[in-house]
Amino acid sequence: MAHPKRKTSKTRRDKRRTHYKAVANQVSICQTTSEPHLRHRAYVVNGDLYYNGKVAIENYTSVAS
């Protein structure tokens, strides 16, 4: 099994980890309902499921709840 020949310094280790960062979710406002929602996701407004600004399912009830 391979072992490092030298200790990796804190600076070198932290430089490698700079690319792992949290990214804020993209929130959009629907043009038809004026509701904020996550981009490329379906969202519920007044019991109807919307996607792409159109009603996908009327009287939608979540299966997960």
C-alpha atoms as a PDB file:
ATOM      1  CA  MET A   1       0.000   0.000   0.000  1.00  0.00           C
ATOM      2  CA  ALA A   2       1.423   3.383  -0.970  1.00  0.00           C
ATOM      3  CA  HIS A   3       2.392   5.905   1.701  1.00  0.00           C
ATOM      4  CA  PRO A   4       3.377   9.529   1.227  1.00  0.00           C
ATOM      5  CA  LYS A   5       7.112  10.192   1.369  1.00  0.00           C
ATOM      6  CA  ARG A   6       6.600  13.694   2.804  1.00  0.00           C
ATOM      7  CA  LYS A   7       3.886  15.306   4.897  1.00  0.00           C
ATOM      8  CA  THR A   8       1.420  17.397   2.883  1.00  0.00           C
ATOM      9  CA  SER A   9       1.458  20.935   4.233  1.00  0.00           C
ATOM     10  CA  LYS A  10      -1.706  22.678   5.402  1.00  0.00           C
ATOM     11  CA  THR A  11      -1.380  25.239   2.610  1.00  0.00           C
ATOM     12  CA  ARG A  12      -1.097  22.602  -0.116  1.00  0.00           C
ATOM     13  CA  ARG A  13      -3.994  20.619   1.368  1.00  0.00           C
ATOM     14  CA  ASP A  14      -6.227  23.703   1.621  1.00  0.00           C
ATOM     15  CA  LYS A  15      -5.373  24.799  -1.937  1.00  0.00           C
ATOM     16  CA  ARG A  16      -6.694  21.470  -3.178  1.00  0.00           C
ATOM     17  CA  ARG A  17      -9.918  21.925  -1.223  1.00  0.00           C
ATOM     18  CA  THR A  18     -10.731  25.436  -2.505  1.00  0.00           C
ATOM     19  CA  HIS A  19     -12.924  24.016  -5.265  1.00  0.00           C
ATOM     20  CA  TYR A  20     -15.388  22.466  -2.805  1.00  0.00           C
ATOM     21  CA  LYS A  21     -17.788  25.263  -1.952  1.00  0.00           C
ATOM     22  CA  ALA A  22     -21.468  25.686  -1.436  1.00  0.00           C
ATOM     23  CA  VAL A  23     -23.455  27.224  -4.291  1.00  0.00           C
ATOM     24  CA  ALA A  24     -26.704  29.081  -3.700  1.00  0.00           C
ATOM     25  CA  ASN A  25     -29.781  27.634  -5.412  1.00  0.00           C
ATOM     26  CA  GLN A  26     -31.069  29.424  -8.501  1.00  0.00           C
ATOM     27  CA  VAL A  27     -34.481  30.895  -7.670  1.00  0.00           C
ATOM     28  CA  SER A  28     -36.719  32.260 -10.415  1.00  0.00           C
ATOM     29  CA  ILE A  29     -40.040  34.096 -10.476  1.00  0.00           C
ATOM     30  CA  CYS A  30     -42.746  32.485 -12.601  1.00  0.00           C
ATOM     31  CA  GLN A  31     -44.149  34.866 -15.206  1.00  0.00           C
ATOM     32  CA  THR A  32     -47.647  33.408 -15.041  1.00  0.00           C
ATOM     33  CA  THR A  33     -48.079  32.919 -11.266  1.00  0.00           C
ATOM     34  CA  SER A  34     -45.473  35.388  -9.892  1.00  0.00           C
ATOM     35  CA  GLU A  35     -44.308  32.684  -7.452  1.00  0.00           C
ATOM     36  CA  PRO A  36     -40.634  32.054  -6.636  1.00  0.00           C
ATOM     37  CA  HIS A  37     -39.441  28.527  -7.436  1.00  0.00           C
ATOM     38  CA  LEU A  38     -36.284  26.537  -8.093  1.00  0.00           C
ATOM     39  CA  ARG A  39     -35.195  26.525 -11.733  1.00  0.00           C
ATOM     40  CA  HIS A  40     -35.973  23.369 -13.747  1.00  0.00           C
ATOM     41  CA  ARG A  41     -38.228  22.009 -11.003  1.00  0.00           C
ATOM     42  CA  ALA A  42     -41.989  21.628 -10.770  1.00  0.00           C
ATOM     43  CA  TYR A  43     -43.721  23.681  -8.057  1.00  0.00           C
ATOM     44  CA  VAL A  44     -47.162  23.777  -6.433  1.00  0.00           C
ATOM     45  CA  VAL A  45     -49.364  26.900  -6.413  1.00  0.00           C
ATOM     46  CA  ASN A  46     -52.892  26.755  -4.968  1.00  0.00           C
ATOM     47  CA  GLY A  47     -53.060  22.960  -5.301  1.00  0.00           C
ATOM     48  CA  ASP A  48     -51.933  22.877  -8.973  1.00  0.00           C
ATOM     49  CA  LEU A  49     -48.536  21.595 -10.091  1.00  0.00           C
ATOM     50  CA  TYR A  50     -46.745  23.960 -12.478  1.00  0.00           C
ATOM     51  CA  TYR A  51     -43.736  23.341 -14.714  1.00  0.00           C
ATOM     52  CA  ASN A  52     -42.382  25.746 -17.335  1.00  0.00           C
ATOM     53  CA  GLY A  53     -45.117  28.239 -16.471  1.00  0.00           C
ATOM     54  CA  LYS A  54     -47.894  25.806 -17.437  1.00  0.00           C
ATOM     55  CA  VAL A  55     -50.226  23.666 -15.346  1.00  0.00           C
ATOM     56  CA  ALA A  56     -48.849  20.136 -15.405  1.00  0.00           C
ATOM     57  CA  ILE A  57     -51.370  18.536 -12.968  1.00  0.00           C
ATOM     58  CA  GLU A  58     -54.540  20.118 -11.590  1.00  0.00           C
ATOM     59  CA  ASN A  59     -55.556  19.398  -7.977  1.00  0.00           C
ATOM     60  CA  TYR A  60     -52.131  17.930  -7.226  1.00  0.00           C
ATOM     61  CA  THR A  61     -51.572  16.101  -3.935  1.00  0.00           C
ATOM     62  CA  SER A  62     -48.090  15.067  -2.906  1.00  0.00           C
ATOM     63  CA  VAL A  63     -47.429  11.346  -2.558  1.00  0.00           C
ATOM     64  CA  ALA A  64     -44.555  11.915  -0.108  1.00  0.00           C
ATOM     65  CA  SER A  65     -46.666  13.550   2.607  1.00  0.00           C
END
